[in-house]
Amino acid sequence: GFAKECKQKYSKSVFNMVCKVFRCLPITTVINDKIMVLHAGIDGKDFSLEELDKASRTNWELHPHHAQKITPEEKKRNSMITGGLWSDPRCKKGLCASERGAGSEFGPDVCKK
């Protein structure tokens, strides 16, 4: 994936810098108080825009093995962020875990909620 290619073409330090920059970018934006726009999608878990806005952008873990000793609040924050960055739409109804190990795959019925 991206990490491997970046490290091969450039260096591990360049990849780490890219990760730091990504942590500074917004997760979502809202257009005309009606449409929420995310990089990837939703993970199917309920959360408010206020909760997402309060979530720390610099203190979260993508990989579960890095986040073994986290509180329920931190787990929810991680889910909101990884869902917004790594989830993917699919044609089938419903929600399932993503093969990437982060986020989920969601159908059109999930979007309507």
Protein backbone atom coordinates (compact mmCIF):
# COMPACT_ATOMS: atom_id res chain seq x y z
CA GLY A 1 0.00 0.00 0.00
CA PHE A 2 0.88 3.62 0.46
CA ALA A 3 3.28 3.08 3.38
CA LYS A 4 5.37 0.53 1.49
CA GLU A 5 5.53 2.63 -1.68
CA CYS A 6 6.43 5.82 0.19
CA LYS A 7 9.20 4.08 2.15
CA GLN A 8 10.59 2.42 -0.99
CA LYS A 9 10.57 5.57 -3.14
CA TYR A 10 11.66 7.99 -0.44
CA SER A 11 12.35 6.94 3.17
CA LYS A 12 10.71 5.98 6.43
CA SER A 13 11.23 9.54 7.71
CA VAL A 14 9.31 10.96 4.72
CA PHE A 15 6.48 8.52 5.41
CA ASN A 16 6.43 9.56 9.09
CA MET A 17 6.25 13.23 8.06
CA VAL A 18 3.33 12.49 5.72
CA CYS A 19 1.55 10.80 8.65
CA LYS A 20 2.11 13.90 10.81
CA VAL A 21 0.66 16.11 8.07
CA PHE A 22 -2.39 13.82 7.68
CA ARG A 23 -3.11 14.18 11.39
CA CYS A 24 -3.45 17.95 10.88
CA LEU A 25 -6.03 17.74 8.10
CA PRO A 26 -9.76 17.95 8.86
CA ILE A 27 -11.67 14.68 9.03
CA THR A 28 -14.94 16.11 7.77
CA THR A 29 -16.73 19.23 6.69
CA VAL A 30 -20.41 20.14 6.61
CA ILE A 31 -21.95 21.96 3.67
CA ASN A 32 -24.95 24.25 4.29
CA ASP A 33 -25.65 22.51 7.62
CA LYS A 34 -27.04 19.54 5.63
CA ILE A 35 -24.34 17.47 3.96
CA MET A 36 -21.44 15.89 5.83
CA VAL A 37 -18.43 15.18 3.61
CA LEU A 38 -15.79 12.65 4.69
CA HIS A 39 -12.64 11.40 3.01
CA ALA A 40 -13.79 7.80 3.12
CA GLY A 41 -17.13 7.19 4.75
CA ILE A 42 -18.84 6.07 7.90
CA ASP A 43 -18.26 3.11 10.15
CA GLY A 44 -21.92 2.61 11.05
CA LYS A 45 -21.50 3.65 14.68
CA ASP A 46 -23.48 6.57 16.05
CA PHE A 47 -21.60 9.74 16.91
CA SER A 48 -22.34 13.42 16.80
CA LEU A 49 -20.48 16.11 14.91
CA GLU A 50 -19.64 17.66 18.29
CA GLU A 51 -17.98 14.42 19.41
CA LEU A 52 -15.99 14.25 16.19
CA ASP A 53 -15.02 17.90 16.50
CA LYS A 54 -13.72 17.31 20.04
CA ALA A 55 -11.74 14.20 19.05
CA SER A 56 -8.00 14.67 19.23
CA ARG A 57 -6.46 14.69 15.77
CA THR A 58 -2.95 14.09 17.09
CA ASN A 59 -3.60 11.32 19.59
CA TRP A 60 -5.25 8.33 17.95
CA GLU A 61 -4.15 4.94 16.67
CA LEU A 62 -5.08 3.37 13.37
CA HIS A 63 -3.81 -0.09 14.14
CA PRO A 64 -5.57 -2.09 16.89
CA HIS A 65 -2.30 -3.62 18.14
CA HIS A 66 -1.12 -0.08 19.01
CA ALA A 67 -4.33 0.64 20.89
CA GLN A 68 -4.68 -2.35 23.22
CA LYS A 69 -4.80 -0.38 26.48
CA ILE A 70 -7.26 2.37 25.64
CA THR A 71 -10.35 3.61 27.45
CA PRO A 72 -13.87 3.19 25.97
CA GLU A 73 -13.86 6.93 25.16
CA GLU A 74 -10.55 6.60 23.28
CA LYS A 75 -11.89 3.52 21.47
CA LYS A 76 -14.93 5.49 20.28
CA ARG A 77 -12.70 8.38 19.14
CA ASN A 78 -10.47 5.95 17.21
CA SER A 79 -13.55 4.43 15.58
CA MET A 80 -14.87 7.83 14.46
CA ILE A 81 -11.53 8.83 12.95
CA THR A 82 -10.64 5.51 11.30
CA GLY A 83 -14.19 5.21 10.00
CA GLY A 84 -13.95 8.65 8.43
CA LEU A 85 -10.59 7.90 6.87
CA TRP A 86 -10.75 4.23 5.86
CA SER A 87 -14.37 3.14 5.29
CA ASP A 88 -15.60 2.36 1.79
CA PRO A 89 -19.03 2.32 0.13
CA ARG A 90 -20.31 -0.89 -1.42
CA CYS A 91 -23.30 -1.79 -3.58
CA LYS A 92 -24.73 -4.40 -1.17
CA LYS A 93 -26.93 -3.38 1.73
CA GLY A 94 -25.59 -3.50 5.27
CA LEU A 95 -22.33 -2.98 7.04
CA CYS A 96 -19.28 -5.22 7.36
CA ALA A 97 -15.67 -4.99 8.48
CA SER A 98 -13.21 -3.74 5.89
CA GLU A 99 -10.58 -6.12 4.60
CA ARG A 100 -8.02 -3.36 5.24
CA GLY A 101 -8.35 -3.86 8.99
CA ALA A 102 -9.62 -0.33 9.63
CA GLY A 103 -13.00 1.22 8.98
CA SER A 104 -15.85 -0.70 7.37
CA GLU A 105 -17.72 -1.25 4.13
CA PHE A 106 -21.21 0.27 4.09
CA GLY A 107 -24.18 -0.02 1.78
CA PRO A 108 -26.63 2.63 0.59
CA ASP A 109 -29.07 1.73 3.38
CA VAL A 110 -26.47 2.76 5.99
CA CYS A 111 -26.07 6.17 4.34
CA LYS A 112 -29.80 6.84 4.57
CA LYS A 113 -29.72 6.58 8.37
